């Protein structure tokens, strides 16, 4: 029966009882069991959780791959927990019990941002590296030791130290999230165990990696060449405008994708960029005001004139397949993921004689330009929505060169010329 269901953006739901549903989501990479809950009589949003993969193509194991009956039982346990306020004190809570709700929370947040069902970075990193690690998965949080966490780090597959660090950070966030939610039933020293157990055991591996790609810092003429070729190749101008803003502001793709027409202040030659969602703390509503040139404002006019202020500034054509080999334009909608610009970017940098250069090079170059102009490091960090610590860590070479040049400017002859 399930084999006949087609992939779509939302799950197939089956009601268990009032306010309780078990869902079957078919995505391009496989199928997943999902549960949702809302108190009877409530009109609020549903709480959701991803329960695990289905047994459509592999045998159920009761952990990461579930049969219908296993998914129904896990959903029922979760329903009971929600009925008790979502904070059931379970003395036998395992690492898996901590990680699954965290992934569900992050997936729900990511789906809300993108307006469609989507997986978060937590799901992509924790599912293969934690939920598939049987030696860590079933350890109860009350029994978790620093050695358990260090040994898990050593079992991580070969990858760059930076990539390992991101996986470790996701697990640290998941375990701390569980402690914040259920701390009354967990050991009071668990945060200390998490902190020291997840201190990287691959420090040397990370230290030996370059912190910045020197060949990814472009000079102004190279950037002008990239933007000129983008305008020549892109008849619609959608990618060209995106590339221009990446270069002019040094902002991340995720920030520019959220720009609205009203964020372009043409009179003041300024663009108001929403703060990134990186890091911790309340950043909702925070913005960065970046000055741009008249040429940038003029290039943006086709995207702002005659359009509503709340409309997304940057849009692109989306296509639909009409037969086996033919595609046609279907609608214009906002850019969603950086991967949507990959094909265009590779064509442009290839034509510019800069193969291998990545879009993030425009951000690197913007930061280095600000440093070279003698702007205070704190201002450079603020304009690029990052910290002075990150600027000093990744761009120390350019900071040193800039300071040397500024120091040289104040050198004046102190001895009178001989008569």
Protein backbone atom coordinates (compact mmCIF):
# COMPACT_ATOMS: atom_id res chain seq x y z
CA UNK A 1 0.00 0.00 0.00
CA UNK A 2 2.72 2.48 1.01
CA UNK A 3 4.73 1.66 -2.11
CA UNK A 4 2.05 3.35 -4.24
CA UNK A 5 2.36 6.68 -2.42
CA UNK A 6 4.22 9.37 -4.35
CA UNK A 7 6.85 11.75 -2.99
CA UNK A 8 5.48 15.15 -1.99
CA UNK A 9 6.33 18.11 0.26
CA UNK A 10 4.02 17.11 3.15
CA UNK A 11 3.35 13.79 4.92
CA UNK A 12 0.45 11.39 4.52
CA UNK A 13 -1.33 11.52 7.89
CA UNK A 14 -3.35 8.87 9.68
CA UNK A 15 -5.34 9.91 12.76
CA UNK A 16 -4.73 7.86 15.89
CA UNK A 17 -7.12 9.81 18.09
CA UNK A 18 -8.18 13.43 18.45
CA UNK A 19 -5.09 15.62 18.10
CA UNK A 20 -2.80 12.63 17.56
CA UNK A 21 -1.49 11.66 14.13
CA UNK A 22 1.11 9.32 12.69
CA UNK A 23 2.54 10.48 9.39
CA UNK A 24 4.34 8.85 6.49
CA UNK A 25 6.60 11.28 4.62
CA UNK A 26 8.00 10.24 1.23
CA UNK A 27 10.96 12.37 0.18
CA UNK A 28 13.50 12.14 -2.63
CA UNK A 29 15.97 10.31 -0.36
CA UNK A 30 13.57 7.88 1.33
CA UNK A 31 10.59 7.67 3.65
CA UNK A 32 10.26 8.70 7.31
CA UNK A 33 7.72 8.22 10.11
CA UNK A 34 6.51 11.50 11.65
CA UNK A 35 4.13 12.19 14.52
CA UNK A 36 2.20 15.35 15.35
CA UNK A 37 0.24 16.30 18.44
CA UNK A 38 -2.17 19.02 19.54
CA UNK A 39 -4.21 19.04 22.72
CA UNK A 40 -7.91 18.33 22.11
CA UNK A 41 -9.83 21.59 21.76
CA UNK A 42 -6.67 23.60 21.12
CA UNK A 43 -6.32 25.78 18.01
CA UNK A 44 -2.58 26.26 18.28
CA UNK A 45 0.13 24.77 16.07
CA UNK A 46 0.89 21.07 16.10
CA UNK A 47 4.04 19.80 17.80
CA UNK A 48 5.94 17.46 15.49
CA UNK A 49 8.70 14.88 15.79
CA UNK A 50 10.60 12.69 13.36
CA UNK A 51 10.41 9.10 14.65
CA UNK A 52 12.80 7.31 12.29
CA UNK A 53 13.13 5.82 8.83
CA UNK A 54 10.53 3.40 7.46
CA UNK A 55 11.20 -0.26 6.71
CA UNK A 56 10.29 0.14 3.03
CA UNK A 57 13.74 -0.81 1.76
CA UNK A 58 15.55 -2.23 4.80
CA UNK A 59 14.64 -4.43 7.72
CA UNK A 60 13.26 -2.74 10.83
CA UNK A 61 15.68 -2.69 13.77
CA UNK A 62 13.59 -0.83 16.32
CA UNK A 63 16.10 2.04 16.51
CA UNK A 64 16.67 4.00 13.32
CA UNK A 65 14.47 1.88 11.02
CA UNK A 66 10.91 1.26 12.20
CA UNK A 67 7.96 -0.85 11.14
CA UNK A 68 4.44 0.58 11.33
CA UNK A 69 3.86 -1.01 14.74
CA UNK A 70 7.18 0.23 16.12
CA UNK A 71 6.52 3.75 14.82
CA UNK A 72 3.02 3.70 16.35
CA UNK A 73 4.42 2.65 19.73
CA UNK A 74 7.12 5.32 19.65
CA UNK A 75 4.51 7.90 18.66
CA UNK A 76 2.28 6.79 21.54
CA UNK A 77 5.15 7.24 24.00
CA UNK A 78 5.73 10.72 22.62
CA UNK A 79 2.00 11.57 22.83
CA UNK A 80 2.02 10.65 26.51
CA UNK A 81 5.05 12.83 27.07
CA UNK A 82 3.33 15.78 25.35
CA UNK A 83 0.22 15.24 27.48
CA UNK A 84 2.41 15.58 30.56
CA UNK A 85 3.68 18.93 29.39
CA UNK A 86 6.49 17.68 27.16
CA UNK A 87 8.89 17.37 30.09
CA UNK A 88 8.54 13.81 31.26
CA UNK A 89 11.26 12.94 33.73
CA UNK A 90 12.69 9.69 32.42
CA UNK A 91 15.58 8.33 34.49
CA UNK A 92 16.40 5.94 31.64
CA UNK A 93 16.69 8.65 28.98
CA UNK A 94 19.37 7.67 26.45
CA UNK A 95 21.52 9.64 24.04
CA UNK A 96 19.04 8.69 21.32
CA UNK A 97 16.16 10.06 23.42
CA UNK A 98 18.06 13.34 23.70
CA UNK A 99 19.10 13.63 20.06
CA UNK A 100 15.80 12.78 18.35
CA UNK A 101 13.75 15.66 19.87
CA UNK A 102 16.59 18.06 19.12
CA UNK A 103 16.65 17.02 15.46
CA UNK A 104 12.84 17.35 15.30
CA UNK A 105 13.01 20.85 16.80
CA UNK A 106 15.71 21.94 14.34
CA UNK A 107 13.88 20.35 11.38
CA UNK A 108 10.67 22.14 12.32
CA UNK A 109 12.51 25.45 12.56
CA UNK A 110 14.20 24.88 9.20
CA UNK A 111 10.88 23.94 7.59
CA UNK A 112 9.27 27.12 8.94
CA UNK A 113 12.07 29.23 7.48
CA UNK A 114 11.88 27.65 4.03
CA UNK A 115 8.10 27.28 3.91
CA UNK A 116 8.35 23.57 3.10
CA UNK A 117 9.34 20.33 4.81
CA UNK A 118 13.12 20.45 5.14
CA UNK A 119 15.94 18.79 7.05
CA UNK A 120 18.27 20.82 9.22
CA UNK A 121 22.04 20.63 9.49
CA UNK A 122 21.48 18.87 12.81
CA UNK A 123 19.63 16.09 10.99
CA UNK A 124 22.31 15.73 8.32
CA UNK A 125 25.14 15.59 10.86
CA UNK A 126 23.63 13.72 13.81
CA UNK A 127 21.69 11.06 11.92
CA UNK A 128 24.73 9.37 10.34
CA UNK A 129 27.29 10.07 13.05
CA UNK A 130 25.26 9.65 16.26
CA UNK A 131 22.03 7.78 15.52
CA UNK A 132 24.02 5.14 13.66
CA UNK A 133 26.60 4.74 16.42
CA UNK A 134 25.28 1.80 18.47
CA UNK A 135 28.01 2.18 21.09
CA UNK A 136 26.85 5.68 22.03
CA UNK A 137 23.18 5.59 21.10
CA UNK A 138 21.87 3.47 23.99
CA UNK A 139 23.95 4.96 26.81
CA UNK A 140 21.72 6.49 29.47
CA UNK A 141 22.43 10.15 30.11
CA UNK A 142 22.79 9.47 33.82
CA UNK A 143 25.62 7.01 32.99
CA UNK A 144 27.27 9.08 30.26
CA UNK A 145 30.98 9.70 30.88
CA UNK A 146 33.62 11.92 29.33
CA UNK A 147 35.36 8.77 28.08
CA UNK A 148 32.20 7.72 26.20
CA UNK A 149 32.16 11.02 24.36
CA UNK A 150 35.88 11.01 23.62
CA UNK A 151 35.72 7.46 22.27
CA UNK A 152 32.79 8.48 20.06
CA UNK A 153 34.91 11.30 18.64
CA UNK A 154 37.66 8.83 17.82
CA UNK A 155 35.16 6.65 15.94
CA UNK A 156 34.14 9.48 13.62
CA UNK A 157 35.06 8.70 10.00
CA UNK A 158 37.97 10.38 8.25
CA UNK A 159 37.07 13.96 7.47
CA UNK A 160 38.57 17.40 7.92
CA UNK A 161 38.94 18.61 11.47
CA UNK A 162 36.56 21.48 10.80
CA UNK A 163 33.89 19.07 9.59
CA UNK A 164 34.37 16.91 12.69
CA UNK A 165 34.09 19.98 14.88
CA UNK A 166 30.70 20.83 13.37
CA UNK A 167 29.42 17.32 14.10
CA UNK A 168 30.73 17.55 17.68
CA UNK A 169 29.10 20.98 18.11
CA UNK A 170 25.74 19.60 17.00
CA UNK A 171 25.91 16.76 19.52
CA UNK A 172 26.96 19.18 22.25
CA UNK A 173 23.97 21.39 21.44
CA UNK A 174 21.61 18.37 21.46
CA UNK A 175 22.81 17.11 24.84
CA UNK A 176 22.69 20.58 26.40
CA UNK A 177 19.19 21.05 24.98
CA UNK A 178 18.11 17.82 26.69
CA UNK A 179 19.63 18.93 29.98
CA UNK A 180 17.83 22.28 29.83
CA UNK A 181 14.52 20.52 29.21
CA UNK A 182 14.86 17.66 31.71
CA UNK A 183 17.50 18.79 34.19
CA UNK A 184 15.41 17.79 37.22
CA UNK A 185 15.82 14.14 36.28
CA UNK A 186 19.46 14.30 35.15
CA UNK A 187 22.78 14.50 37.04
CA UNK A 188 23.66 18.06 37.96
CA UNK A 189 27.20 17.63 36.61
CA UNK A 190 26.06 16.48 33.14
CA UNK A 191 26.97 19.86 31.52
CA UNK A 192 30.53 19.44 32.82
CA UNK A 193 30.67 15.93 31.34
CA UNK A 194 29.41 17.28 28.01
CA UNK A 195 31.85 20.19 28.02
CA UNK A 196 35.01 18.17 28.68
CA UNK A 197 33.92 14.97 26.94
CA UNK A 198 33.30 16.86 23.70
CA UNK A 199 36.48 18.89 23.85
CA UNK A 200 38.01 17.98 20.44
CA UNK A 201 40.46 15.10 20.51
CA UNK A 202 41.62 16.03 17.00
CA UNK A 203 43.11 19.45 17.84
CA UNK A 204 46.28 18.91 15.80
CA UNK A 205 44.28 17.79 12.79
CA UNK A 206 42.24 20.98 12.95
CA UNK A 207 45.25 23.18 13.63
CA UNK A 208 47.02 21.91 10.52
CA UNK A 209 44.19 23.01 8.27
CA UNK A 210 44.33 26.47 6.67
CA UNK A 211 41.96 28.86 8.42
CA UNK A 212 41.46 30.95 5.30
CA UNK A 213 41.87 30.25 1.60
CA UNK A 214 44.42 32.77 0.40
CA UNK A 215 43.67 32.00 -3.23
CA UNK A 216 40.01 32.76 -2.54
CA UNK A 217 40.64 36.46 -1.85
CA UNK A 218 40.06 38.28 -5.13
CA UNK A 219 41.28 41.71 -6.13
CA UNK A 220 38.82 44.33 -7.32
CA UNK A 221 39.56 43.76 -11.02
CA UNK A 222 38.84 40.03 -10.70
CA UNK A 223 35.54 40.77 -8.99
CA UNK A 224 34.60 43.28 -11.71
CA UNK A 225 35.38 40.63 -14.34
CA UNK A 226 33.16 38.06 -12.61
CA UNK A 227 30.27 40.52 -12.34
CA UNK A 228 30.66 41.69 -15.95
CA UNK A 229 30.56 38.11 -17.27
CA UNK A 230 27.56 37.34 -15.06
CA UNK A 231 25.64 40.26 -16.59
CA UNK A 232 26.57 39.15 -20.10
CA UNK A 233 25.52 35.54 -19.57
CA UNK A 234 22.39 36.11 -17.48
CA UNK A 235 19.66 37.56 -19.69
CA UNK A 236 17.13 37.68 -16.84
CA UNK A 237 19.63 39.31 -14.47
CA UNK A 238 18.57 37.17 -11.49
CA UNK A 239 21.93 35.54 -10.85
CA UNK A 240 23.83 38.71 -11.80
CA UNK A 241 21.99 40.70 -9.11
CA UNK A 242 22.67 38.01 -6.51
CA UNK A 243 26.39 37.93 -7.38
CA UNK A 244 26.54 41.73 -7.28
CA UNK A 245 25.07 41.85 -3.78
CA UNK A 246 27.37 39.08 -2.57
CA UNK A 247 30.31 41.22 -3.71
CA UNK A 248 28.98 44.61 -2.62
CA UNK A 249 27.89 43.62 0.88
CA UNK A 250 30.01 40.61 1.80
CA UNK A 251 26.86 39.07 3.27
CA UNK A 252 26.05 35.37 3.34
CA UNK A 253 23.66 33.85 0.80
CA UNK A 254 21.17 33.04 3.57
CA UNK A 255 20.99 36.72 4.53
CA UNK A 256 20.55 38.02 0.98
CA UNK A 257 17.86 35.43 0.24
CA UNK A 258 15.70 37.09 2.93
CA UNK A 259 16.06 40.63 1.59
CA UNK A 260 12.83 42.49 0.79
CA UNK A 261 12.35 45.27 -1.74
CA UNK A 262 11.96 47.78 1.11
CA UNK A 263 15.45 46.90 2.36
CA UNK A 264 17.00 48.79 -0.54
CA UNK A 265 17.23 52.46 0.51
CA UNK A 266 18.05 53.94 -2.88
CA UNK A 267 18.20 57.57 -1.74
CA UNK A 268 20.78 56.81 0.94
CA UNK A 269 22.57 54.20 -1.21
CA UNK A 270 22.17 51.72 1.58
CA UNK A 271 20.95 48.16 1.94
CA UNK A 272 19.50 46.91 5.22
CA UNK A 273 20.54 43.27 5.59
CA UNK A 274 18.89 40.94 8.12
CA UNK A 275 21.24 39.45 10.69
CA UNK A 276 22.26 35.84 10.18
CA UNK A 277 20.77 33.04 12.23
CA UNK A 278 24.19 31.79 13.25
CA UNK A 279 25.23 31.68 16.88
CA UNK A 280 23.18 31.97 20.03
CA UNK A 281 21.12 34.76 21.51
CA UNK A 282 18.12 36.77 20.39
CA UNK A 283 18.90 38.28 16.99
CA UNK A 284 15.33 38.47 15.68
CA UNK A 285 14.80 41.78 13.95
CA UNK A 286 18.49 42.72 14.04
CA UNK A 287 19.86 44.26 10.85
CA UNK A 288 23.13 45.44 9.33
CA UNK A 289 23.16 48.69 7.34
CA UNK A 290 25.65 48.51 4.48
CA UNK A 291 26.58 51.38 2.19
CA UNK A 292 26.85 50.56 -1.51
CA UNK A 293 27.73 52.52 -4.63
CA UNK A 294 25.37 54.22 -7.07
CA UNK A 295 26.23 51.52 -9.63
CA UNK A 296 24.84 48.85 -7.31
CA UNK A 297 21.60 50.77 -6.72
CA UNK A 298 21.18 51.35 -10.47
CA UNK A 299 21.69 47.64 -11.17
CA UNK A 300 18.98 46.79 -8.61
CA UNK A 301 16.34 49.14 -10.04
CA UNK A 302 14.69 46.49 -12.27
CA UNK A 303 14.12 44.43 -9.11
CA UNK A 304 12.67 47.27 -7.01
CA UNK A 305 10.73 49.62 -9.28
CA UNK A 306 7.00 48.97 -9.33
CA UNK A 307 7.21 46.17 -6.76
CA UNK A 308 5.67 45.93 -3.29
CA UNK A 309 7.96 46.65 -0.37
CA UNK A 310 7.32 43.31 1.31
CA UNK A 311 8.16 41.31 -1.83
CA UNK A 312 11.42 39.36 -1.87
CA UNK A 313 14.12 41.38 -3.58
CA UNK A 314 15.94 38.47 -5.21
CA UNK A 315 13.93 35.97 -7.23
CA UNK A 316 14.64 33.45 -9.96
CA UNK A 317 12.74 31.42 -12.50
CA UNK A 318 11.82 27.88 -11.52
CA UNK A 319 11.21 25.20 -14.12
CA UNK A 320 8.97 22.16 -14.43
CA UNK A 321 9.49 19.10 -16.59
CA UNK A 322 6.88 18.73 -19.34
CA UNK A 323 8.23 15.50 -20.82
CA UNK A 324 11.34 13.32 -20.62
CA UNK A 325 13.70 15.92 -22.08
CA UNK A 326 11.82 19.23 -22.10
CA UNK A 327 11.49 21.78 -19.31
CA UNK A 328 9.55 25.02 -19.21
CA UNK A 329 9.36 28.02 -16.91
CA UNK A 330 6.71 27.68 -14.24
CA UNK A 331 7.01 30.57 -11.78
CA UNK A 332 9.30 33.12 -10.19
CA UNK A 333 10.06 32.66 -6.52
CA UNK A 334 12.83 33.54 -4.04
CA UNK A 335 16.21 31.83 -4.03
CA UNK A 336 16.16 29.06 -1.42
CA UNK A 337 19.52 27.32 -1.20
CA UNK A 338 23.10 28.17 -2.26
CA UNK A 339 23.11 25.08 -4.49
CA UNK A 340 20.69 26.86 -6.84
CA UNK A 341 23.47 29.21 -7.91
CA UNK A 342 26.15 26.52 -8.38
CA UNK A 343 25.65 25.96 -12.10
CA UNK A 344 25.64 29.67 -12.89
CA UNK A 345 28.61 30.39 -10.65
CA UNK A 346 30.77 27.65 -12.17
CA UNK A 347 30.02 28.88 -15.69
CA UNK A 348 30.94 32.46 -14.79
CA UNK A 349 34.18 31.80 -12.90
CA UNK A 350 35.21 29.34 -15.60
CA UNK A 351 34.75 32.03 -18.24
CA UNK A 352 36.66 34.48 -16.03
CA UNK A 353 39.64 32.09 -15.84
CA UNK A 354 39.11 31.47 -12.13
CA UNK A 355 37.97 27.83 -11.92
CA UNK A 356 37.71 26.50 -8.37
CA UNK A 357 36.88 29.87 -6.84
CA UNK A 358 33.80 29.57 -4.61
CA UNK A 359 31.04 32.15 -4.04
CA UNK A 360 32.25 32.66 -0.46
CA UNK A 361 35.35 34.26 -2.00
CA UNK A 362 33.29 37.42 -2.45
CA UNK A 363 32.75 37.56 1.32
CA UNK A 364 36.44 36.89 2.00
CA UNK A 365 37.34 39.67 -0.44
CA UNK A 366 34.92 42.15 1.11
CA UNK A 367 36.36 41.55 4.59
CA UNK A 368 39.96 41.90 3.34
CA UNK A 369 39.01 45.08 1.46
CA UNK A 370 37.65 46.63 4.66
CA UNK A 371 40.78 45.66 6.57
CA UNK A 372 43.00 47.07 3.81
CA UNK A 373 41.10 50.36 3.88
CA UNK A 374 42.05 50.75 7.53
CA UNK A 375 38.56 50.29 8.96
CA UNK A 376 38.53 49.31 12.65
CA UNK A 377 38.32 45.53 13.05
CA UNK A 378 35.19 45.93 15.14
CA UNK A 379 33.49 47.82 12.29
CA UNK A 380 34.58 45.23 9.71
CA UNK A 381 33.14 42.51 11.95
CA UNK A 382 29.86 44.39 12.46
CA UNK A 383 29.39 45.06 8.73
CA UNK A 384 29.87 41.37 8.00
CA UNK A 385 27.78 40.10 10.93
CA UNK A 386 30.61 38.22 12.61
CA UNK A 387 32.90 38.65 15.61
CA UNK A 388 36.24 40.39 15.96
CA UNK A 389 37.63 37.07 17.21
CA UNK A 390 36.71 35.35 13.93
CA UNK A 391 38.17 38.23 11.90
CA UNK A 392 41.43 38.11 13.84
CA UNK A 393 41.61 34.32 13.58
CA UNK A 394 40.98 33.98 9.85
CA UNK A 395 42.41 37.23 8.48
CA UNK A 396 45.44 37.86 10.71
CA UNK A 397 47.80 38.09 7.73
CA UNK A 398 45.86 40.94 6.16
CA UNK A 399 45.45 42.69 9.48
CA UNK A 400 49.23 42.62 9.97
CA UNK A 401 49.88 43.92 6.46
CA UNK A 402 47.32 46.69 6.93
CA UNK A 403 48.86 47.75 10.24
CA UNK A 404 52.31 47.81 8.64
CA UNK A 405 51.06 50.08 5.86
CA UNK A 406 49.30 52.43 8.29
CA UNK A 407 52.39 52.54 10.50
CA UNK A 408 54.54 53.42 7.49
CA UNK A 409 52.32 56.43 6.71
CA UNK A 410 53.15 58.13 9.99
CA UNK A 411 56.89 57.85 9.47
CA UNK A 412 58.33 61.31 8.76
CA UNK A 413 61.96 62.47 8.31
CA UNK A 414 63.37 63.48 11.68
CA UNK A 415 66.80 64.72 10.60
CA UNK A 416 67.36 67.93 8.71
CA UNK A 417 68.97 67.59 5.33
CA UNK A 418 72.64 68.41 5.26
CA UNK A 419 73.36 71.96 4.17
